[in-house]
PDB file of N, CA and C in Angstrom:
ATOM      1  N   MET A   1     227.860 101.348  70.846  1.00  0.00           N
ATOM      2  CA  MET A   1     229.269 100.982  70.813  1.00  0.00           C
ATOM      3  C   MET A   1     229.745 100.804  72.249  1.00  0.00           C
ATOM      4  N   SER A   2     230.356  99.694  72.509  1.00  0.00           N
ATOM      5  CA  SER A   2     230.743  99.412  73.885  1.00  0.00           C
ATOM      6  C   SER A   2     232.066 100.113  74.231  1.00  0.00           C
ATOM      7  N   ILE A   3     232.300 100.259  75.516  1.00  0.00           N
ATOM      8  CA  ILE A   3     233.519 100.907  76.014  1.00  0.00           C
ATOM      9  C   ILE A   3     234.745 100.093  75.616  1.00  0.00           C
ATOM     10  N   ASP A   4     234.611  98.764  75.603  1.00  0.00           N
ATOM     11  CA  ASP A   4     235.754  97.923  75.244  1.00  0.00           C
ATOM     12  C   ASP A   4     236.214  98.175  73.811  1.00  0.00           C
ATOM     13  N   VAL A   5     235.276  98.428  72.918  1.00  0.00           N
ATOM     14  CA  VAL A   5     235.647  98.726  71.531  1.00  0.00           C
ATOM     15  C   VAL A   5     236.372 100.067  71.458  1.00  0.00           C
ATOM     16  N   LEU A   6     235.905 101.055  72.216  1.00  0.00           N
ATOM     17  CA  LEU A   6     236.587 102.354  72.249  1.00  0.00           C
ATOM     18  C   LEU A   6     237.991 102.234  72.837  1.00  0.00           C
ATOM     19  N   VAL A   7     238.127 101.427  73.893  1.00  0.00           N
ATOM     20  CA  VAL A   7     239.440 101.224  74.508  1.00  0.00           C
ATOM     21  C   VAL A   7     240.379 100.548  73.514  1.00  0.00           C
ATOM     22  N   LEU A   8     239.894  99.504  72.860  1.00  0.00           N
ATOM     23  CA  LEU A   8     240.722  98.793  71.897  1.00  0.00           C
ATOM     24  C   LEU A   8     241.114  99.702  70.727  1.00  0.00           C
ATOM     25  N   THR A   9     240.168 100.477  70.232  1.00  0.00           N
ATOM     26  CA  THR A   9     240.456 101.407  69.139  1.00  0.00           C
ATOM     27  C   THR A   9     241.489 102.444  69.567  1.00  0.00           C
ATOM     28  N   SER A  10     241.354 102.958  70.772  1.00  0.00           N
ATOM     29  CA  SER A  10     242.315 103.952  71.269  1.00  0.00           C
ATOM     30  C   SER A  10     243.704 103.356  71.431  1.00  0.00           C
ATOM     31  N   VAL A  11     243.785 102.131  71.907  1.00  0.00           N
ATOM     32  CA  VAL A  11     245.085 101.484  72.067  1.00  0.00           C
ATOM     33  C   VAL A  11     245.735 101.244  70.700  1.00  0.00           C
ATOM     34  N   VAL A  12     244.951 100.763  69.747  1.00  0.00           N
ATOM     35  CA  VAL A  12     245.493 100.513  68.408  1.00  0.00           C
ATOM     36  C   VAL A  12     245.977 101.818  67.775  1.00  0.00           C
ATOM     37  N   LEU A  13     245.187 102.875  67.883  1.00  0.00           N
ATOM     38  CA  LEU A  13     245.611 104.169  67.332  1.00  0.00           C
ATOM     39  C   LEU A  13     246.849 104.704  68.052  1.00  0.00           C
ATOM     40  N   GLY A  14     246.884 104.565  69.371  1.00  0.00           N
ATOM     41  CA  GLY A  14     248.047 105.022  70.134  1.00  0.00           C
ATOM     42  C   GLY A  14     249.317 104.292  69.740  1.00  0.00           C
ATOM     43  N   VAL A  15     249.224 102.975  69.613  1.00  0.00           N
ATOM     44  CA  VAL A  15     250.395 102.187  69.208  1.00  0.00           C
ATOM     45  C   VAL A  15     250.801 102.536  67.779  1.00  0.00           C
ATOM     46  N   PHE A  16     249.825 102.755  66.902  1.00  0.00           N
ATOM     47  CA  PHE A  16     250.125 103.127  65.526  1.00  0.00           C
ATOM     48  C   PHE A  16     250.907 104.442  65.477  1.00  0.00           C
ATOM     49  N   PHE A  17     250.437 105.452  66.195  1.00  0.00           N
ATOM     50  CA  PHE A  17     251.136 106.741  66.160  1.00  0.00           C
ATOM     51  C   PHE A  17     252.502 106.666  66.825  1.00  0.00           C
ATOM     52  N   MET A  18     252.646 105.852  67.856  1.00  0.00           N
ATOM     53  CA  MET A  18     253.965 105.668  68.458  1.00  0.00           C
ATOM     54  C   MET A  18     254.909 104.985  67.470  1.00  0.00           C
ATOM     55  N   PHE A  19     254.386 104.004  66.716  1.00  0.00           N
ATOM     56  CA  PHE A  19     255.195 103.345  65.698  1.00  0.00           C
ATOM     57  C   PHE A  19     255.604 104.336  64.608  1.00  0.00           C
ATOM     58  N   VAL A  20     254.672 105.162  64.178  1.00  0.00           N
ATOM     59  CA  VAL A  20     254.979 106.173  63.158  1.00  0.00           C
ATOM     60  C   VAL A  20     256.062 107.124  63.670  1.00  0.00           C
ATOM     61  N   ALA A  21     255.990 107.486  64.933  1.00  0.00           N
ATOM     62  CA  ALA A  21     257.002 108.376  65.509  1.00  0.00           C
ATOM     63  C   ALA A  21     258.378 107.726  65.496  1.00  0.00           C
ATOM     64  N   SER A  22     258.457 106.472  65.919  1.00  0.00           N
ATOM     65  CA  SER A  22     259.764 105.803  65.944  1.00  0.00           C
ATOM     66  C   SER A  22     260.266 105.538  64.530  1.00  0.00           C
ATOM     67  N   PHE A  23     259.370 105.208  63.615  1.00  0.00           N
ATOM     68  CA  PHE A  23     259.762 105.000  62.224  1.00  0.00           C
ATOM     69  C   PHE A  23     260.265 106.311  61.609  1.00  0.00           C
ATOM     70  N   GLY A  24     259.616 107.416  61.958  1.00  0.00           N
ATOM     71  CA  GLY A  24     260.042 108.716  61.452  1.00  0.00           C
ATOM     72  C   GLY A  24     261.428 109.093  61.927  1.00  0.00           C
ATOM     73  N   VAL A  25     261.762 108.756  63.161  1.00  0.00           N
ATOM     74  CA  VAL A  25     263.097 109.051  63.680  1.00  0.00           C
ATOM     75  C   VAL A  25     264.143 108.278  62.892  1.00  0.00           C
ATOM     76  N   LEU A  26     263.821 107.060  62.511  1.00  0.00           N
ATOM     77  CA  LEU A  26     264.778 106.240  61.770  1.00  0.00           C
ATOM     78  C   LEU A  26     264.902 106.638  60.300  1.00  0.00           C
ATOM     79  N   ARG A  27     263.809 107.044  59.676  1.00  0.00           N
ATOM     80  CA  ARG A  27     263.798 107.209  58.226  1.00  0.00           C
ATOM     81  C   ARG A  27     263.960 108.632  57.713  1.00  0.00           C
ATOM     82  N   LEU A  28     263.640 109.624  58.511  1.00  0.00           N
ATOM     83  CA  LEU A  28     263.718 110.996  58.003  1.00  0.00           C
ATOM     84  C   LEU A  28     265.175 111.439  57.886  1.00  0.00           C
ATOM     85  N   PRO A  29     265.503 112.180  56.823  1.00  0.00           N
ATOM     86  CA  PRO A  29     266.905 112.467  56.535  1.00  0.00           C
ATOM     87  C   PRO A  29     267.522 113.619  57.331  1.00  0.00           C
ATOM     88  N   GLU A  30     266.731 114.569  57.743  1.00  0.00           N
ATOM     89  CA  GLU A  30     267.270 115.785  58.332  1.00  0.00           C
ATOM     90  C   GLU A  30     267.064 115.797  59.844  1.00  0.00           C
ATOM     91  N   PHE A  31     267.987 116.428  60.548  1.00  0.00           N
ATOM     92  CA  PHE A  31     267.930 116.474  62.014  1.00  0.00           C
ATOM     93  C   PHE A  31     266.618 117.073  62.522  1.00  0.00           C
ATOM     94  N   THR A  32     266.217 118.205  61.955  1.00  0.00           N
ATOM     95  CA  THR A  32     264.991 118.848  62.438  1.00  0.00           C
ATOM     96  C   THR A  32     263.750 118.033  62.079  1.00  0.00           C
ATOM     97  N   GLN A  33     263.790 117.312  60.983  1.00  0.00           N
ATOM     98  CA  GLN A  33     262.674 116.420  60.653  1.00  0.00           C
ATOM     99  C   GLN A  33     262.618 115.263  61.634  1.00  0.00           C
ATOM    100  N   ARG A  34     263.764 114.756  62.041  1.00  0.00           N
ATOM    101  CA  ARG A  34     263.784 113.663  63.012  1.00  0.00           C
ATOM    102  C   ARG A  34     263.282 114.119  64.374  1.00  0.00           C
ATOM    103  N   ILE A  35     263.408 115.389  64.679  1.00  0.00           N
ATOM    104  CA  ILE A  35     262.840 115.912  65.922  1.00  0.00           C
ATOM    105  C   ILE A  35     261.324 116.041  65.783  1.00  0.00           C
ATOM    106  N   HIS A  36     260.877 116.452  64.616  1.00  0.00           N
ATOM    107  CA  HIS A  36     259.451 116.697  64.374  1.00  0.00           C
ATOM    108  C   HIS A  36     258.625 115.425  64.522  1.00  0.00           C
ATOM    109  N   ALA A  37     259.149 114.297  64.068  1.00  0.00           N
ATOM    110  CA  ALA A  37     258.385 113.047  64.092  1.00  0.00           C
ATOM    111  C   ALA A  37     257.942 112.651  65.501  1.00  0.00           C
ATOM    112  N   PRO A  38     258.843 112.541  66.465  1.00  0.00           N
ATOM    113  CA  PRO A  38     258.355 112.142  67.788  1.00  0.00           C
ATOM    114  C   PRO A  38     257.580 113.234  68.508  1.00  0.00           C
ATOM    115  N   THR A  39     257.853 114.481  68.187  1.00  0.00           N
ATOM    116  CA  THR A  39     257.124 115.558  68.852  1.00  0.00           C
ATOM    117  C   THR A  39     255.639 115.492  68.519  1.00  0.00           C
ATOM    118  N   LYS A  40     255.319 115.323  67.251  1.00  0.00           N
ATOM    119  CA  LYS A  40     253.915 115.320  66.834  1.00  0.00           C
ATOM    120  C   LYS A  40     253.273 113.958  67.033  1.00  0.00           C
ATOM    121  N   ALA A  41     253.866 112.924  66.448  1.00  0.00           N
ATOM    122  CA  ALA A  41     253.227 111.612  66.440  1.00  0.00           C
ATOM    123  C   ALA A  41     253.210 110.965  67.824  1.00  0.00           C
ATOM    124  N   ALA A  42     254.287 111.111  68.574  1.00  0.00           N
ATOM    125  CA  ALA A  42     254.307 110.494  69.900  1.00  0.00           C
ATOM    126  C   ALA A  42     253.338 111.183  70.849  1.00  0.00           C
ATOM    127  N   THR A  43     253.177 112.478  70.723  1.00  0.00           N
ATOM    128  CA  THR A  43     252.198 113.186  71.553  1.00  0.00           C
ATOM    129  C   THR A  43     250.787 112.724  71.220  1.00  0.00           C
ATOM    130  N   LEU A  44     250.497 112.553  69.942  1.00  0.00           N
ATOM    131  CA  LEU A  44     249.190 112.061  69.534  1.00  0.00           C
ATOM    132  C   LEU A  44     248.994 110.609  69.986  1.00  0.00           C
ATOM    133  N   GLY A  45     250.038 109.794  69.870  1.00  0.00           N
ATOM    134  CA  GLY A  45     249.960 108.416  70.351  1.00  0.00           C
ATOM    135  C   GLY A  45     249.712 108.351  71.844  1.00  0.00           C
ATOM    136  N   LEU A  46     250.382 109.207  72.597  1.00  0.00           N
ATOM    137  CA  LEU A  46     250.173 109.251  74.037  1.00  0.00           C
ATOM    138  C   LEU A  46     248.756 109.698  74.374  1.00  0.00           C
ATOM    139  N   LEU A  47     248.214 110.626  73.592  1.00  0.00           N
ATOM    140  CA  LEU A  47     246.837 111.059  73.795  1.00  0.00           C
ATOM    141  C   LEU A  47     245.883 109.877  73.706  1.00  0.00           C
ATOM    142  N   PHE A  48     246.030 109.059  72.673  1.00  0.00           N
ATOM    143  CA  PHE A  48     245.142 107.914  72.515  1.00  0.00           C
ATOM    144  C   PHE A  48     245.363 106.861  73.595  1.00  0.00           C
ATOM    145  N   LEU A  49     246.606 106.635  73.997  1.00  0.00           N
ATOM    146  CA  LEU A  49     246.859 105.652  75.045  1.00  0.00           C
ATOM    147  C   LEU A  49     246.317 106.110  76.394  1.00  0.00           C
ATOM    148  N   LEU A  50     246.454 107.392  76.692  1.00  0.00           N
ATOM    149  CA  LEU A  50     245.885 107.901  77.945  1.00  0.00           C
ATOM    150  C   LEU A  50     244.363 107.917  77.899  1.00  0.00           C
ATOM    151  N   LEU A  51     243.790 108.143  76.724  1.00  0.00           N
ATOM    152  CA  LEU A  51     242.339 108.040  76.565  1.00  0.00           C
ATOM    153  C   LEU A  51     241.877 106.611  76.839  1.00  0.00           C
ATOM    154  N   ALA A  52     242.609 105.638  76.314  1.00  0.00           N
ATOM    155  CA  ALA A  52     242.265 104.232  76.569  1.00  0.00           C
ATOM    156  C   ALA A  52     242.372 103.905  78.054  1.00  0.00           C
ATOM    157  N   LEU A  53     243.396 104.412  78.696  1.00  0.00           N
ATOM    158  CA  LEU A  53     243.545 104.195  80.139  1.00  0.00           C
ATOM    159  C   LEU A  53     242.379 104.798  80.904  1.00  0.00           C
ATOM    160  N   SER A  54     242.011 106.019  80.552  1.00  0.00           N
ATOM    161  CA  SER A  54     240.908 106.695  81.244  1.00  0.00           C
ATOM    162  C   SER A  54     239.582 105.974  81.025  1.00  0.00           C
ATOM    163  N   LEU A  55     239.342 105.544  79.802  1.00  0.00           N
ATOM    164  CA  LEU A  55     238.095 104.834  79.514  1.00  0.00           C
ATOM    165  C   LEU A  55     238.050 103.479  80.206  1.00  0.00           C
ATOM    166  N   ASN A  56     239.181 102.825  80.307  1.00  0.00           N
ATOM    167  CA  ASN A  56     239.212 101.504  80.928  1.00  0.00           C
ATOM    168  C   ASN A  56     239.109 101.587  82.444  1.00  0.00           C
ATOM    169  N   ALA A  57     239.777 102.548  83.060  1.00  0.00           N
ATOM    170  CA  ALA A  57     239.787 102.644  84.526  1.00  0.00           C
ATOM    171  C   ALA A  57     238.504 103.268  85.055  1.00  0.00           C
ATOM    172  N   ARG A  58     238.063 104.356  84.436  1.00  0.00           N
ATOM    173  CA  ARG A  58     236.850 105.084  84.841  1.00  0.00           C
ATOM    174  C   ARG A  58     236.829 105.466  86.323  1.00  0.00           C
ATOM    175  N   GLU A  59     237.989 105.817  86.844  1.00  0.00           N
ATOM    176  CA  GLU A  59     238.086 106.290  88.226  1.00  0.00           C
ATOM    177  C   GLU A  59     238.600 107.718  88.190  1.00  0.00           C
ATOM    178  N   GLY A  60     238.065 108.549  89.071  1.00  0.00           N
ATOM    179  CA  GLY A  60     238.418 109.968  89.093  1.00  0.00           C
ATOM    180  C   GLY A  60     239.904 110.256  89.175  1.00  0.00           C
ATOM    181  N   PRO A  61     240.619 109.652  90.132  1.00  0.00           N
ATOM    182  CA  PRO A  61     242.057 109.958  90.237  1.00  0.00           C
ATOM    183  C   PRO A  61     242.857 109.513  89.007  1.00  0.00           C
ATOM    184  N   VAL A  62     242.483 108.414  88.405  1.00  0.00           N
ATOM    185  CA  VAL A  62     243.204 107.920  87.228  1.00  0.00           C
ATOM    186  C   VAL A  62     242.987 108.862  86.047  1.00  0.00           C
ATOM    187  N   VAL A  63     241.753 109.286  85.845  1.00  0.00           N
ATOM    188  CA  VAL A  63     241.435 110.200  84.754  1.00  0.00           C
ATOM    189  C   VAL A  63     242.127 111.543  84.968  1.00  0.00           C
ATOM    190  N   THR A  64     242.137 112.019  86.199  1.00  0.00           N
ATOM    191  CA  THR A  64     242.795 113.290  86.507  1.00  0.00           C
ATOM    192  C   THR A  64     244.289 113.216  86.233  1.00  0.00           C
ATOM    193  N   LYS A  65     244.931 112.118  86.659  1.00  0.00           N
ATOM    194  CA  LYS A  65     246.366 111.958  86.420  1.00  0.00           C
ATOM    195  C   LYS A  65     246.667 111.826  84.930  1.00  0.00           C
ATOM    196  N   ALA A  66     245.796 111.143  84.201  1.00  0.00           N
ATOM    197  CA  ALA A  66     245.997 111.014  82.753  1.00  0.00           C
ATOM    198  C   ALA A  66     245.885 112.377  82.072  1.00  0.00           C
ATOM    199  N   LEU A  67     244.924 113.175  82.474  1.00  0.00           N
ATOM    200  CA  LEU A  67     244.773 114.519  81.899  1.00  0.00           C
ATOM    201  C   LEU A  67     245.954 115.416  82.256  1.00  0.00           C
ATOM    202  N   LEU A  68     246.428 115.317  83.479  1.00  0.00           N
ATOM    203  CA  LEU A  68     247.596 116.100  83.878  1.00  0.00           C
ATOM    204  C   LEU A  68     248.844 115.673  83.111  1.00  0.00           C
ATOM    205  N   ALA A  69     249.007 114.367  82.904  1.00  0.00           N
ATOM    206  CA  ALA A  69     250.151 113.882  82.122  1.00  0.00           C
ATOM    207  C   ALA A  69     250.072 114.391  80.688  1.00  0.00           C
ATOM    208  N   LEU A  70     248.876 114.363  80.104  1.00  0.00           N
ATOM    209  CA  LEU A  70     248.698 114.855  78.740  1.00  0.00           C
ATOM    210  C   LEU A  70     248.972 116.349  78.662  1.00  0.00           C
ATOM    211  N   LEU A  71     248.514 117.097  79.637  1.00  0.00           N
ATOM    212  CA  LEU A  71     248.779 118.529  79.670  1.00  0.00           C
ATOM    213  C   LEU A  71     250.283 118.802  79.776  1.00  0.00           C
ATOM    214  N   PHE A  72     250.952 118.061  80.634  1.00  0.00           N
ATOM    215  CA  PHE A  72     252.394 118.238  80.815  1.00  0.00           C
ATOM    216  C   PHE A  72     253.148 117.922  79.529  1.00  0.00           C
ATOM    217  N   ILE A  73     252.825 116.809  78.895  1.00  0.00           N
ATOM    218  CA  ILE A  73     253.494 116.430  77.649  1.00  0.00           C
ATOM    219  C   ILE A  73     253.156 117.428  76.541  1.00  0.00           C
ATOM    220  N   GLY A  74     251.908 117.864  76.484  1.00  0.00           N
ATOM    221  CA  GLY A  74     251.503 118.824  75.459  1.00  0.00           C
ATOM    222  C   GLY A  74     252.218 120.149  75.574  1.00  0.00           C
ATOM    223  N   VAL A  75     252.586 120.532  76.787  1.00  0.00           N
ATOM    224  CA  VAL A  75     253.297 121.798  76.992  1.00  0.00           C
ATOM    225  C   VAL A  75     254.804 121.623  76.802  1.00  0.00           C
ATOM    226  N   THR A  76     255.357 120.514  77.264  1.00  0.00           N
ATOM    227  CA  THR A  76     256.816 120.372  77.251  1.00  0.00           C
ATOM    228  C   THR A  76     257.380 119.803  75.951  1.00  0.00           C
ATOM    229  N   ALA A  77     256.620 119.033  75.196  1.00  0.00           N
ATOM    230  CA  ALA A  77     257.150 118.428  73.965  1.00  0.00           C
ATOM    231  C   ALA A  77     257.563 119.481  72.932  1.00  0.00           C
ATOM    232  N   PRO A  78     256.741 120.488  72.643  1.00  0.00           N
ATOM    233  CA  PRO A  78     257.190 121.498  71.681  1.00  0.00           C
ATOM    234  C   PRO A  78     258.390 122.309  72.174  1.00  0.00           C
ATOM    235  N   VAL A  79     258.427 122.583  73.459  1.00  0.00           N
ATOM    236  CA  VAL A  79     259.555 123.338  74.014  1.00  0.00           C
ATOM    237  C   VAL A  79     260.834 122.514  73.909  1.00  0.00           C
ATOM    238  N   GLY A  80     260.741 121.232  74.241  1.00  0.00           N
ATOM    239  CA  GLY A  80     261.907 120.352  74.121  1.00  0.00           C
ATOM    240  C   GLY A  80     262.393 120.230  72.691  1.00  0.00           C
ATOM    241  N   ALA A  81     261.467 120.119  71.747  1.00  0.00           N
ATOM    242  CA  ALA A  81     261.852 120.030  70.335  1.00  0.00           C
ATOM    243  C   ALA A  81     262.523 121.314  69.878  1.00  0.00           C
ATOM    244  N   HIS A  82     262.023 122.442  70.344  1.00  0.00           N
ATOM    245  CA  HIS A  82     262.624 123.724  69.970  1.00  0.00           C
ATOM    246  C   HIS A  82     264.044 123.833  70.520  1.00  0.00           C
ATOM    247  N   ILE A  83     264.240 123.425  71.747  1.00  0.00           N
ATOM    248  CA  ILE A  83     265.574 123.474  72.349  1.00  0.00           C
ATOM    249  C   ILE A  83     266.531 122.549  71.609  1.00  0.00           C
ATOM    250  N   LEU A  84     266.064 121.336  71.256  1.00  0.00           N
ATOM    251  CA  LEU A  84     266.914 120.422  70.500  1.00  0.00           C
ATOM    252  C   LEU A  84     267.267 120.977  69.125  1.00  0.00           C
ATOM    253  N   ALA A  85     266.293 121.594  68.465  1.00  0.00           N
ATOM    254  CA  ALA A  85     266.552 122.174  67.139  1.00  0.00           C
ATOM    255  C   ALA A  85     267.570 123.301  67.223  1.00  0.00           C
ATOM    256  N   ARG A  86     267.449 124.143  68.218  1.00  0.00           N
ATOM    257  CA  ARG A  86     268.422 125.244  68.378  1.00  0.00           C
ATOM    258  C   ARG A  86     269.809 124.710  68.696  1.00  0.00           C
ATOM    259  N   ALA A  87     269.869 123.695  69.564  1.00  0.00           N
ATOM    260  CA  ALA A  87     271.171 123.113  69.903  1.00  0.00           C
ATOM    261  C   ALA A  87     271.799 122.451  68.678  1.00  0.00           C
ATOM    262  N   GLY A  88     270.992 121.765  67.893  1.00  0.00           N
ATOM    263  CA  GLY A  88     271.505 121.139  66.680  1.00  0.00           C
ATOM    264  C   GLY A  88     272.006 122.153  65.679  1.00  0.00           C
ATOM    265  N   ARG A  89     271.282 123.231  65.535  1.00  0.00           N
ATOM    266  CA  ARG A  89     271.682 124.287  64.605  1.00  0.00           C
ATOM    267  C   ARG A  89     272.997 124.928  65.058  1.00  0.00           C
ATOM    268  N   ARG A  90     273.139 125.139  66.356  1.00  0.00           N
ATOM    269  CA  ARG A  90     274.371 125.738  66.876  1.00  0.00           C
ATOM    270  C   ARG A  90     275.567 124.795  66.759  1.00  0.00           C
ATOM    271  N   GLN A  91     275.291 123.491  66.796  1.00  0.00           N
ATOM    272  CA  GLN A  91     276.369 122.517  66.667  1.00  0.00           C
ATOM    273  C   GLN A  91     276.711 122.224  65.211  1.00  0.00           C
ATOM    274  N   GLY A  92     275.959 122.812  64.284  1.00  0.00           N
ATOM    275  CA  GLY A  92     276.293 122.660  62.876  1.00  0.00           C
ATOM    276  C   GLY A  92     275.514 121.589  62.138  1.00  0.00           C
ATOM    277  N   ALA A  93     274.369 121.207  62.646  1.00  0.00           N
ATOM    278  CA  ALA A  93     273.536 120.240  61.922  1.00  0.00           C
ATOM    279  C   ALA A  93     273.112 120.874  60.605  1.00  0.00           C
ATOM    280  N   THR A  94     273.478 120.242  59.513  1.00  0.00           N
ATOM    281  CA  THR A  94     273.195 120.801  58.201  1.00  0.00           C
ATOM    282  C   THR A  94     272.041 120.061  57.540  1.00  0.00           C
ATOM    283  N   ARG A  95     271.501 120.698  56.533  1.00  0.00           N
ATOM    284  CA  ARG A  95     270.432 120.073  55.768  1.00  0.00           C
ATOM    285  C   ARG A  95     271.031 119.239  54.649  1.00  0.00           C
ATOM    286  N   PRO A  96     270.348 118.151  54.274  1.00  0.00           N
ATOM    287  CA  PRO A  96     270.828 117.395  53.122  1.00  0.00           C
ATOM    288  C   PRO A  96     270.674 118.220  51.841  1.00  0.00           C
ATOM    289  N   PRO A  97     271.443 117.927  50.804  1.00  0.00           N
ATOM    290  CA  PRO A  97     271.405 118.734  49.582  1.00  0.00           C
ATOM    291  C   PRO A  97     270.018 118.831  48.953  1.00  0.00           C
ATOM    292  N   GLU A  98     269.232 117.755  48.979  1.00  0.00           N
ATOM    293  CA  GLU A  98     267.907 117.823  48.357  1.00  0.00           C
ATOM    294  C   GLU A  98     266.974 118.775  49.101  1.00  0.00           C
ATOM    295  N   THR A  99     267.141 118.919  50.392  1.00  0.00           N
ATOM    296  CA  THR A  99     266.334 119.864  51.149  1.00  0.00           C
ATOM    297  C   THR A  99     266.742 121.294  50.823  1.00  0.00           C
ATOM    298  N   GLU A 100     268.025 121.530  50.714  1.00  0.00           N
ATOM    299  CA  GLU A 100     268.514 122.863  50.365  1.00  0.00           C
ATOM    300  C   GLU A 100     268.036 123.264  48.973  1.00  0.00           C
ATOM    301  N   ALA A 101     268.030 122.307  48.045  1.00  0.00           N
ATOM    302  CA  ALA A 101     267.582 122.607  46.685  1.00  0.00           C
ATOM    303  C   ALA A 101     266.111 123.014  46.676  1.00  0.00           C
ATOM    304  N   LYS A 102     265.297 122.343  47.481  1.00  0.00           N
ATOM    305  CA  LYS A 102     263.871 122.698  47.560  1.00  0.00           C
ATOM    306  C   LYS A 102     263.694 124.068  48.189  1.00  0.00           C
ATOM    307  N   LYS A 103     264.509 124.385  49.171  1.00  0.00           N
ATOM    308  CA  LYS A 103     264.401 125.663  49.856  1.00  0.00           C
ATOM    309  C   LYS A 103     264.791 126.814  48.934  1.00  0.00           C
ATOM    310  N   ASN A 104     265.808 126.597  48.114  1.00  0.00           N
ATOM    311  CA  ASN A 104     266.313 127.653  47.255  1.00  0.00           C
ATOM    312  C   ASN A 104     265.530 127.812  45.954  1.00  0.00           C
ATOM    313  N   ARG A 105     264.656 126.883  45.635  1.00  0.00           N
ATOM    314  CA  ARG A 105     263.866 126.954  44.407  1.00  0.00           C
ATOM    315  C   ARG A 105     262.823 128.055  44.541  1.00  0.00           C
ATOM    316  N   ARG A 106     262.710 128.868  43.523  1.00  0.00           N
ATOM    317  CA  ARG A 106     261.743 129.961  43.544  1.00  0.00           C
ATOM    318  C   ARG A 106     260.399 129.481  43.036  1.00  0.00           C
ATOM    319  N   VAL A 107     259.366 129.938  43.679  1.00  0.00           N
ATOM    320  CA  VAL A 107     258.000 129.612  43.239  1.00  0.00           C
ATOM    321  C   VAL A 107     257.506 130.741  42.359  1.00  0.00           C
ATOM    322  N   GLU A 108     257.090 130.404  41.147  1.00  0.00           N
ATOM    323  CA  GLU A 108     256.622 131.442  40.223  1.00  0.00           C
ATOM    324  C   GLU A 108     255.170 131.266  39.918  1.00  0.00           C
TER     325      GLU A 108
END
């Protein structure tokens, strides 16, 4: 398998996950769900795009910077999502009725 195929596959997967993240922000009904979509999917999309960059460049400084960027995003994205969720909760972001109904349903 050639490097170009791996680069192309990584770019396609990265763009797909970025699209899923943006689509999730638009379509999910609840505030905390809208935070969850870009936190998970965009981080995964960035992972694949930085992998494609590293495979295509194959230079030490580029690979190092890509790994550092991934490490930084991997550490800060969950913290940022948590801060946004807490701020939303304090500002009164409520759940839609169908979510509340699922939460209050007892499992037997």
